[in-house]
């Protein structure tokens, strides 16, 4: 079933049929997702590991937010090392 995209400001929650939403089972949601060609497939962690391919993040060596707080110049160093 096609869904029209709405922005948050256009969505009127008073018009939502909440009884229909509440009555939707997990099985219904899974079936609807499986039937929707625009839905990305869901993989279990085991399926992902079995695929054997790893995608390295380009940001793997970036400092996390905690280290950035401990070392104010950590982000600057990480950025300059990429040049």
Protein backbone atom coordinates (compact mmCIF):
# COMPACT_ATOMS: atom_id res chain seq x y z
CA UNK A 1 0.00 0.00 0.00
CA UNK A 2 1.62 3.29 -1.06
CA UNK A 3 2.20 5.79 1.70
CA UNK A 4 2.17 9.50 1.07
CA UNK A 5 5.07 11.23 2.77
CA UNK A 6 4.10 13.85 5.32
CA UNK A 7 6.20 16.31 7.20
CA UNK A 8 5.73 16.37 10.94
CA UNK A 9 3.92 19.70 10.69
CA UNK A 10 1.42 18.25 8.21
CA UNK A 11 0.57 15.20 10.31
CA UNK A 12 -2.66 15.58 12.27
CA UNK A 13 -2.52 13.02 15.06
CA UNK A 14 -6.18 13.62 15.82
CA UNK A 15 -7.01 11.94 12.49
CA UNK A 16 -5.01 8.77 13.22
CA UNK A 17 -7.14 5.68 13.77
CA UNK A 18 -5.41 4.65 16.99
CA UNK A 19 -7.64 1.61 17.49
CA UNK A 20 -6.40 0.30 14.14
CA UNK A 21 -2.80 1.03 15.13
CA UNK A 22 -3.29 -0.74 18.48
CA UNK A 23 -4.90 -3.73 16.76
CA UNK A 24 -1.94 -4.22 14.41
CA UNK A 25 0.03 -7.25 15.58
CA UNK A 26 3.77 -7.75 15.29
CA UNK A 27 3.03 -10.41 12.68
CA UNK A 28 1.00 -7.88 10.66
CA UNK A 29 3.85 -5.39 10.83
CA UNK A 30 6.39 -8.04 9.75
CA UNK A 31 4.15 -9.11 6.84
CA UNK A 32 3.61 -5.50 5.73
CA UNK A 33 7.34 -4.83 5.86
CA UNK A 34 8.07 -8.01 3.87
CA UNK A 35 5.55 -7.02 1.20
CA UNK A 36 6.91 -3.47 0.85
CA UNK A 37 9.56 -3.39 -1.88
CA UNK A 38 11.01 -0.19 -0.40
CA UNK A 39 11.78 -1.81 2.93
CA UNK A 40 15.36 -2.87 3.48
CA UNK A 41 15.72 -6.53 4.45
CA UNK A 42 16.32 -7.31 8.10
CA UNK A 43 19.37 -9.39 8.91
CA UNK A 44 20.19 -11.15 12.12
CA UNK A 45 23.65 -10.56 13.60
CA UNK A 46 24.57 -14.14 12.60
CA UNK A 47 23.57 -13.48 8.98
CA UNK A 48 25.67 -10.33 8.93
CA UNK A 49 28.68 -12.20 10.34
CA UNK A 50 28.16 -15.06 7.89
CA UNK A 51 28.34 -12.63 4.98
CA UNK A 52 32.03 -12.24 5.79
CA UNK A 53 32.29 -8.70 4.49
CA UNK A 54 33.15 -5.83 6.73
CA UNK A 55 32.68 -2.22 5.79
CA UNK A 56 35.18 -0.02 7.50
CA UNK A 57 33.88 3.29 8.69
CA UNK A 58 35.90 6.21 7.38
CA UNK A 59 35.59 7.59 10.90
CA UNK A 60 36.89 4.52 12.74
CA UNK A 61 39.94 6.39 14.02
CA UNK A 62 38.05 9.48 15.08
CA UNK A 63 37.95 10.18 18.76
CA UNK A 64 34.62 9.65 20.45
CA UNK A 65 32.75 12.41 22.25
CA UNK A 66 34.30 11.45 25.58
CA UNK A 67 37.86 11.75 24.33
CA UNK A 68 36.96 15.03 22.65
CA UNK A 69 35.86 16.35 26.03
CA UNK A 70 39.04 15.10 27.71
CA UNK A 71 41.25 16.40 24.92
CA UNK A 72 39.80 19.54 23.33
CA UNK A 73 42.19 19.35 20.35
CA UNK A 74 41.50 15.64 19.62
CA UNK A 75 39.01 16.40 16.85
CA UNK A 76 41.36 18.92 15.26
CA UNK A 77 44.19 16.35 15.30
CA UNK A 78 41.94 13.69 13.78
CA UNK A 79 40.83 16.03 11.02
CA UNK A 80 44.34 17.22 10.24
CA UNK A 81 45.63 13.64 10.02
CA UNK A 82 43.17 12.96 7.16
CA UNK A 83 44.64 15.63 4.90
